[in-house]
Protein backbone atom coordinates (compact mmCIF):
# COMPACT_ATOMS: atom_id res chain seq x y z
CA UNK A 1 24.54 8.49 5.80
CA UNK A 2 24.49 4.60 5.30
CA UNK A 3 20.93 3.32 6.17
CA UNK A 4 19.80 -0.31 6.03
CA UNK A 5 17.35 -1.49 3.32
CA UNK A 6 14.30 -1.19 5.29
CA UNK A 7 15.12 2.42 6.62
CA UNK A 8 16.01 3.81 3.28
CA UNK A 9 12.14 2.71 2.21
CA UNK A 10 10.88 4.54 5.51
CA UNK A 11 13.01 7.62 4.52
CA UNK A 12 11.65 7.67 0.89
CA UNK A 13 7.91 7.53 2.32
CA UNK A 14 8.68 10.30 4.49
CA UNK A 15 10.46 12.57 1.90
CA UNK A 16 7.51 11.87 -0.44
CA UNK A 17 4.83 13.01 2.04
CA UNK A 18 6.87 16.05 3.31
CA UNK A 19 6.91 17.41 -0.25
CA UNK A 20 3.24 16.50 -1.00
CA UNK A 21 1.85 18.00 2.17
CA UNK A 22 3.17 21.65 1.76
CA UNK A 23 0.77 22.95 -0.52
CA UNK A 24 -2.12 21.81 1.71
CA UNK A 25 -0.76 23.88 4.64
CA UNK A 26 -0.75 27.15 2.44
CA UNK A 27 -4.10 26.56 0.66
CA UNK A 28 -5.67 29.71 2.56
CA UNK A 29 -2.93 32.28 1.28
CA UNK A 30 -3.45 30.93 -2.01
CA UNK A 31 -7.22 31.12 -1.90
CA UNK A 32 -6.75 34.71 -0.87
CA UNK A 33 -4.33 35.53 -3.50
CA UNK A 34 -6.33 34.24 -6.09
CA UNK A 35 -9.66 35.40 -4.85
CA UNK A 36 -11.54 32.50 -5.56
CA UNK A 37 -14.10 30.43 -3.49
CA UNK A 38 -13.52 26.94 -2.09
CA UNK A 39 -15.14 25.35 -5.18
CA UNK A 40 -12.90 26.68 -7.90
CA UNK A 41 -9.93 26.07 -5.50
CA UNK A 42 -10.98 22.30 -5.16
CA UNK A 43 -11.45 21.92 -8.96
CA UNK A 44 -8.00 23.50 -9.36
CA UNK A 45 -6.36 20.96 -6.90
CA UNK A 46 -8.09 18.12 -8.92
CA UNK A 47 -4.79 18.79 -11.53
CA UNK A 48 -2.62 16.91 -9.15
CA UNK A 49 -4.93 14.00 -8.95
CA UNK A 50 -5.16 13.74 -12.93
CA UNK A 51 -1.46 13.76 -13.05
CA UNK A 52 -1.27 11.18 -10.35
CA UNK A 53 -3.93 8.83 -12.08
CA UNK A 54 -2.04 9.20 -15.56
CA UNK A 55 1.09 8.23 -13.72
CA UNK A 56 -0.57 5.19 -12.13
CA UNK A 57 -2.50 3.99 -15.20
CA UNK A 58 0.49 4.42 -17.73
CA UNK A 59 3.67 4.60 -15.53
CA UNK A 60 4.49 1.18 -15.13
CA UNK A 61 6.53 0.63 -18.67
CA UNK A 62 8.41 4.16 -17.64
CA UNK A 63 9.35 2.33 -14.06
CA UNK A 64 10.18 -0.93 -15.64
CA UNK A 65 12.37 0.77 -18.25
CA UNK A 66 14.46 3.06 -16.32
CA UNK A 67 14.47 1.20 -12.82
CA UNK A 68 13.41 2.04 -9.50
CA UNK A 69 16.20 4.02 -8.43
CA UNK A 70 16.69 6.50 -11.40
CA UNK A 71 12.78 7.05 -11.35
CA UNK A 72 12.40 7.50 -7.76
CA UNK A 73 15.49 9.80 -7.47
CA UNK A 74 14.14 11.89 -10.36
CA UNK A 75 10.70 12.12 -9.10
CA UNK A 76 11.60 13.06 -5.59
CA UNK A 77 14.01 15.71 -7.07
CA UNK A 78 11.44 17.21 -9.33
CA UNK A 79 8.31 16.87 -6.96
CA UNK A 80 9.22 20.02 -4.85
CA UNK A 81 10.46 21.97 -7.85
CA UNK A 82 6.97 21.50 -9.72
CA UNK A 83 5.00 22.47 -6.37
CA UNK A 84 7.02 25.62 -6.25
CA UNK A 85 6.22 26.57 -9.79
CA UNK A 86 2.75 25.61 -9.37
CA UNK A 87 2.16 27.85 -6.39
CA UNK A 88 3.15 30.78 -8.79
CA UNK A 89 -0.06 30.25 -10.77
CA UNK A 90 -2.01 33.46 -11.26
CA UNK A 91 -5.81 31.85 -11.24
CA UNK A 92 -7.24 28.22 -10.82
CA UNK A 93 -7.10 27.48 -14.35
CA UNK A 94 -3.11 27.72 -14.36
CA UNK A 95 -2.98 25.96 -11.13
CA UNK A 96 -4.98 23.11 -12.46
CA UNK A 97 -2.43 22.64 -15.57
CA UNK A 98 0.71 23.26 -13.39
CA UNK A 99 -0.46 20.73 -10.71
CA UNK A 100 -0.55 17.97 -13.50
CA UNK A 101 3.14 17.34 -14.03
CA UNK A 102 3.51 17.42 -10.20
CA UNK A 103 0.98 14.66 -10.03
CA UNK A 104 2.85 12.63 -12.44
CA UNK A 105 5.79 12.66 -9.87
CA UNK A 106 3.37 11.81 -7.17
CA UNK A 107 2.13 8.51 -9.14
CA UNK A 108 5.29 7.11 -9.98
CA UNK A 109 6.85 7.64 -6.41
CA UNK A 110 3.41 6.08 -5.22
CA UNK A 111 4.20 2.92 -7.21
CA UNK A 112 8.05 2.73 -6.65
CA UNK A 113 7.88 3.03 -2.99
CA UNK A 114 5.14 0.69 -2.22
CA UNK A 115 6.78 -2.07 -4.39
CA UNK A 116 10.05 -1.54 -2.84
CA UNK A 117 8.56 -1.74 0.72
CA UNK A 118 6.87 -5.23 -0.19
CA UNK A 119 10.33 -6.55 -1.89
CA UNK A 120 12.29 -5.40 1.26
CA UNK A 121 9.96 -7.25 3.29
CA UNK A 122 11.18 -10.50 1.47
CA UNK A 123 14.63 -9.31 1.59
CA UNK A 124 14.82 -8.71 5.24
CA UNK A 125 12.38 -11.47 6.45
CA UNK A 126 9.83 -9.30 8.32
CA UNK A 127 7.20 -7.05 7.51
CA UNK A 128 7.68 -3.42 7.05
CA UNK A 129 4.67 -2.08 4.87
CA UNK A 130 2.66 -0.55 7.63
CA UNK A 131 5.77 1.01 9.30
CA UNK A 132 6.51 2.25 6.10
CA UNK A 133 3.04 3.90 5.78
CA UNK A 134 3.49 5.05 9.20
CA UNK A 135 6.29 7.18 8.17
CA UNK A 136 4.47 8.69 5.36
CA UNK A 137 1.83 9.74 7.94
CA UNK A 138 4.92 11.33 10.15
CA UNK A 139 6.28 12.89 7.19
CA UNK A 140 2.76 14.54 6.42
CA UNK A 141 2.75 15.57 9.93
CA UNK A 142 6.09 17.20 9.67
CA UNK A 143 5.00 19.02 6.56
CA UNK A 144 2.13 20.43 8.66
CA UNK A 145 4.30 21.60 11.24
CA UNK A 146 6.48 23.31 8.73
CA UNK A 147 3.75 24.95 7.01
CA UNK A 148 2.13 25.95 10.02
CA UNK A 149 5.34 27.72 11.21
CA UNK A 150 5.79 29.35 7.73
CA UNK A 151 2.25 30.72 7.68
CA UNK A 152 2.66 32.02 11.42
CA UNK A 153 5.88 34.03 10.35
CA UNK A 154 3.73 35.44 7.27
CA UNK A 155 6.40 33.90 5.06
CA UNK A 156 4.79 34.01 1.42
CA UNK A 157 3.78 30.68 -0.14
CA UNK A 158 6.32 30.95 -3.09
CA UNK A 159 9.19 31.48 -0.66
CA UNK A 160 8.02 28.65 1.65
CA UNK A 161 7.80 26.31 -1.32
CA UNK A 162 11.29 27.45 -2.64
CA UNK A 163 12.82 26.71 0.86
CA UNK A 164 11.26 23.00 0.69
CA UNK A 165 13.32 22.53 -2.31
CA UNK A 166 16.86 22.53 -0.48
CA UNK A 167 15.37 20.60 2.21
CA UNK A 168 14.05 17.91 0.02
CA UNK A 169 17.20 17.75 -1.92
CA UNK A 170 19.28 17.57 1.26
CA UNK A 171 17.31 14.59 2.61
CA UNK A 172 17.59 12.76 -0.69
CA UNK A 173 21.30 13.28 -0.90
CA UNK A 174 21.67 12.44 2.90
CA UNK A 175 19.19 9.29 3.28
CA UNK A 176 18.87 7.89 -0.36
CA UNK A 177 21.99 8.70 -2.31
CA UNK A 178 23.13 4.83 -1.61
CA UNK A 179 19.58 3.43 -2.17
CA UNK A 180 19.69 0.05 -4.02
CA UNK A 181 16.22 -1.60 -5.08
CA UNK A 182 15.47 -4.63 -3.54
CA UNK A 183 15.34 -7.81 -5.46
CA UNK A 184 12.26 -9.22 -7.08
CA UNK A 185 10.20 -11.57 -4.87
CA UNK A 186 9.84 -15.09 -6.20
CA UNK A 187 6.15 -14.40 -7.17
CA UNK A 188 6.83 -11.44 -9.17
CA UNK A 189 6.45 -12.02 -12.95
CA UNK A 190 9.16 -11.06 -15.45
CA UNK A 191 7.01 -10.29 -18.28
CA UNK A 192 6.95 -7.01 -19.89
CA UNK A 193 4.37 -4.41 -18.61
CA UNK A 194 1.47 -3.33 -20.95
CA UNK A 195 1.07 0.38 -21.40
CA UNK A 196 -2.18 0.60 -19.36
CA UNK A 197 -2.55 -0.87 -15.77
CA UNK A 198 -5.86 -2.64 -16.30
CA UNK A 199 -7.18 -4.14 -12.87
CA UNK A 200 -7.86 -7.79 -12.85
CA UNK A 201 -10.70 -9.23 -11.02
CA UNK A 202 -8.04 -10.28 -8.23
CA UNK A 203 -7.08 -6.73 -8.03
CA UNK A 204 -10.72 -5.49 -7.94
CA UNK A 205 -11.29 -7.77 -5.06
CA UNK A 206 -8.48 -6.21 -3.19
CA UNK A 207 -9.88 -2.79 -3.92
CA UNK A 208 -12.99 -4.10 -2.30
CA UNK A 209 -11.13 -4.82 0.67
CA UNK A 210 -9.53 -1.56 1.24
CA UNK A 211 -12.31 0.83 -0.10
CA UNK A 212 -13.99 1.28 3.04
CA UNK A 213 -10.65 2.39 4.69
CA UNK A 214 -9.84 4.98 1.71
CA UNK A 215 -13.30 6.52 1.89
CA UNK A 216 -13.59 6.64 5.66
CA UNK A 217 -9.96 8.08 5.88
CA UNK A 218 -10.74 10.92 3.42
CA UNK A 219 -14.16 11.48 4.76
CA UNK A 220 -12.99 11.88 8.17
CA UNK A 221 -10.26 14.15 7.46
CA UNK A 222 -12.55 16.27 5.41
CA UNK A 223 -15.65 16.23 7.41
CA UNK A 224 -14.68 15.65 11.29
CA UNK A 225 -13.88 19.39 12.08
CA UNK A 226 -17.24 20.40 10.48
CA UNK A 227 -19.29 17.58 12.19
CA UNK A 228 -17.71 18.55 15.48
CA UNK A 229 -18.44 22.23 15.30
CA UNK A 230 -22.13 21.62 13.99
CA UNK A 231 -23.09 18.90 16.28
CA UNK A 232 -21.78 19.87 19.61
CA UNK A 233 -21.39 23.15 21.71
CA UNK A 234 -17.96 22.95 22.05
CA UNK A 235 -14.68 25.19 21.58
CA UNK A 236 -13.38 25.42 18.16
CA UNK A 237 -10.27 23.25 19.10
CA UNK A 238 -12.27 20.36 19.36
CA UNK A 239 -12.62 20.53 15.41
CA UNK A 240 -8.88 20.27 15.30
CA UNK A 241 -8.70 17.69 17.70
CA UNK A 242 -10.81 15.45 15.67
CA UNK A 243 -8.72 15.74 12.52
CA UNK A 244 -5.63 15.02 14.65
CA UNK A 245 -7.15 12.01 16.38
CA UNK A 246 -7.85 10.34 12.96
CA UNK A 247 -4.01 11.09 11.63
CA UNK A 248 -2.42 10.42 14.84
CA UNK A 249 -4.04 7.19 15.53
CA UNK A 250 -3.59 5.88 12.08
CA UNK A 251 0.03 6.60 12.34
CA UNK A 252 0.53 4.81 15.65
CA UNK A 253 -1.22 1.98 14.81
CA UNK A 254 0.60 1.43 11.21
CA UNK A 255 3.85 1.81 13.25
CA UNK A 256 3.29 -1.19 15.44
CA UNK A 257 1.01 -3.06 13.10
CA UNK A 258 3.60 -5.03 11.27
CA UNK A 259 4.83 -6.85 14.53
CA UNK A 260 1.08 -7.97 15.13
CA UNK A 261 0.66 -8.98 11.36
CA UNK A 262 3.73 -11.11 11.72
CA UNK A 263 2.45 -12.67 14.96
CA UNK A 264 -1.04 -13.21 13.89
CA UNK A 265 -1.10 -13.14 10.13
CA UNK A 266 -2.69 -10.68 7.76
CA UNK A 267 -6.43 -11.99 7.66
CA UNK A 268 -7.04 -11.78 11.66
CA UNK A 269 -5.36 -8.64 11.86
CA UNK A 270 -7.54 -7.13 9.02
CA UNK A 271 -10.58 -8.34 10.52
CA UNK A 272 -9.80 -6.73 13.80
CA UNK A 273 -9.35 -3.15 11.98
CA UNK A 274 -12.41 -3.59 10.14
CA UNK A 275 -14.47 -4.21 13.57
CA UNK A 276 -12.71 -1.03 14.94
CA UNK A 277 -13.64 0.62 12.07
CA UNK A 278 -17.39 -0.40 12.18
CA UNK A 279 -17.17 0.51 16.00
CA UNK A 280 -15.74 3.81 15.22
CA UNK A 281 -18.47 4.56 12.55
CA UNK A 282 -21.19 3.61 15.08
CA UNK A 283 -19.71 5.78 17.84
CA UNK A 284 -19.43 8.92 15.50
CA UNK A 285 -23.07 8.34 14.19
CA UNK A 286 -24.74 8.10 17.58
CA UNK A 287 -22.30 10.25 19.67
CA UNK A 288 -24.06 12.30 22.07
CA UNK A 289 -21.05 14.09 23.44
CA UNK A 290 -17.72 15.31 21.80
CA UNK A 291 -15.58 13.00 23.67
CA UNK A 292 -17.54 9.86 22.31
CA UNK A 293 -17.08 11.24 18.91
CA UNK A 294 -13.29 11.55 19.47
CA UNK A 295 -13.22 8.11 20.60
CA UNK A 296 -15.02 7.06 17.49
CA UNK A 297 -12.64 8.93 15.24
CA UNK A 298 -9.75 7.21 17.06
CA UNK A 299 -11.23 3.97 16.17
CA UNK A 300 -11.75 4.95 12.56
CA UNK A 301 -8.19 6.29 12.21
CA UNK A 302 -6.70 2.99 13.86
CA UNK A 303 -8.96 0.97 11.95
CA UNK A 304 -8.09 2.44 8.52
CA UNK A 305 -4.51 1.95 9.09
CA UNK A 306 -3.54 -1.31 7.95
CA UNK A 307 -5.89 -2.18 5.06
CA UNK A 308 -4.32 -0.26 2.14
CA UNK A 309 -0.82 -1.48 3.05
CA UNK A 310 -2.20 -5.07 3.47
CA UNK A 311 -3.75 -4.70 0.02
CA UNK A 312 -0.80 -3.45 -1.52
CA UNK A 313 1.32 -6.24 -0.32
CA UNK A 314 -1.37 -8.75 -1.46
CA UNK A 315 -1.07 -7.17 -5.03
CA UNK A 316 2.65 -6.78 -5.04
CA UNK A 317 2.83 -10.78 -4.20
CA UNK A 318 0.77 -11.80 -7.15
CA UNK A 319 2.56 -13.87 -9.64
CA UNK A 320 0.26 -13.10 -12.76
CA UNK A 321 1.85 -9.74 -13.77
CA UNK A 322 5.02 -7.68 -12.74
CA UNK A 323 4.50 -6.17 -9.11
CA UNK A 324 4.70 -2.62 -10.13
CA UNK A 325 1.64 -3.12 -12.74
CA UNK A 326 -0.49 -4.89 -9.95
CA UNK A 327 0.36 -2.14 -7.29
CA UNK A 328 -0.40 0.51 -9.98
CA UNK A 329 -3.77 -0.71 -10.84
CA UNK A 330 -4.78 -1.15 -7.28
CA UNK A 331 -3.48 2.44 -6.27
CA UNK A 332 -5.17 4.24 -9.21
CA UNK A 333 -8.82 2.65 -8.25
CA UNK A 334 -8.03 3.23 -4.55
CA UNK A 335 -6.84 6.54 -5.33
CA UNK A 336 -10.22 7.43 -7.09
CA UNK A 337 -12.09 6.24 -4.07
CA UNK A 338 -10.04 8.60 -1.92
CA UNK A 339 -10.34 11.43 -4.23
CA UNK A 340 -14.17 11.15 -4.98
CA UNK A 341 -15.42 9.52 -1.59
CA UNK A 342 -15.20 12.95 0.26
CA UNK A 343 -17.33 14.85 -2.19
CA UNK A 344 -19.78 12.34 -2.32
CA UNK A 345 -20.30 12.01 1.29
CA UNK A 346 -20.50 15.67 1.54
CA UNK A 347 -23.34 15.46 -1.17
CA UNK A 348 -25.25 12.78 1.52
CA UNK A 349 -24.29 15.10 4.44
CA UNK A 350 -26.16 18.12 2.59
CA UNK A 351 -29.42 16.21 1.98
CA UNK A 352 -29.45 13.62 5.14
CA UNK A 353 -27.21 15.24 7.69
CA UNK A 354 -23.61 15.21 8.74
CA UNK A 355 -23.66 11.96 10.93
CA UNK A 356 -24.64 10.17 7.53
CA UNK A 357 -21.03 10.96 6.20
CA UNK A 358 -20.01 7.99 8.46
CA UNK A 359 -23.29 5.91 8.41
CA UNK A 360 -23.44 5.59 4.84
CA UNK A 361 -19.92 3.98 5.03
CA UNK A 362 -21.08 0.97 7.13
CA UNK A 363 -21.83 -1.06 4.14
CA UNK A 364 -18.50 -0.63 2.68
CA UNK A 365 -17.00 -2.03 5.99
CA UNK A 366 -19.32 -4.87 5.89
CA UNK A 367 -17.89 -5.59 2.16
CA UNK A 368 -14.44 -5.35 3.31
CA UNK A 369 -15.06 -7.74 6.27
CA UNK A 370 -16.42 -10.31 3.64
CA UNK A 371 -13.56 -10.08 1.47
CA UNK A 372 -10.75 -9.92 3.76
CA UNK A 373 -9.67 -13.51 3.21
CA UNK A 374 -8.06 -12.25 0.12
CA UNK A 375 -5.33 -10.88 2.13
CA UNK A 376 -3.81 -14.44 2.83
CA UNK A 377 -0.10 -14.33 1.62
CA UNK A 378 0.57 -15.79 -1.71
CA UNK A 379 3.01 -18.77 -1.65
CA UNK A 380 5.89 -18.57 -4.32
CA UNK A 381 5.19 -21.11 -7.14
CA UNK A 382 6.80 -24.67 -6.67
CA UNK A 383 9.09 -25.57 -9.32
CA UNK A 384 9.15 -29.27 -10.41
CA UNK A 385 12.32 -31.15 -9.53
């Protein structure tokens, strides 16, 4: 199947998140099989995070050596296989170790698809970064539907994960077999990549821009259902609605955000999103009814939608180092915030109350707002005549 350049990028995002999301749909069955508590299972799942961080930190030379196409196809081919192997782990320790190689494929894929999205923007002459991340959300949603169907039909997790392999491979062959990496931007350095993706001060500033979005996204997805059930006398369905509201509003905003950014430029759009996040935090913190809380979660989901993609674009366009290196440096720090944010917010909730899961993030939103001017596009260097 022939796809245009930007649609191939969308397909890569969707296939990646479809493979990634499968394990999370079967964690109750994995927990029951292993006969462990949530804490032990949570520690085991950090194995994938460790592998991802290793790839984000050390993977840039690998990507530069083998190229985007070979590395991407290899990673997406191995990803569902490694997850299928990991789910056979007899205990949390084995699961931790088996998830590390799966995490390596996640990290390599994360760098490549984000760099490709940025370069394809330059190639086609219009923004696609946010729509690409929307397809990541849609792919994750598809994984949830498929996993829910497997669980409802009592398909064992091992069989479920095996079924994902031909689905992922078929999608790769159908949608990405003619994948051609986009040419580098004029701002992309051609120098060799160092072994470790150390962040520069400019990258750390971009981390500050998207930090609030990463922490709020992770915290809301982890804690919104518990917040709804413990704060209001409502039906259990409201907990699921809270999680769905965050994810769906984020996906919808991402799908349409690129047109808005093309028209109004990155910085004004980012500031509108940051104001939406702040209003969402206030709504959830002071909510006296579940409907007000749901409105707050919609604002939070929509507000978090564009900041990380905009920061990725800004990092990829910097001319000081190769784009893959800057993207990896930004992604690894943002990933740490996404990983550690929810547990830290849970500690806050335990001692100050669940509403402070969101109240504690307001200073991060203000920091993001103060640094948002750093999202302005980088102009290509001018060469002397």
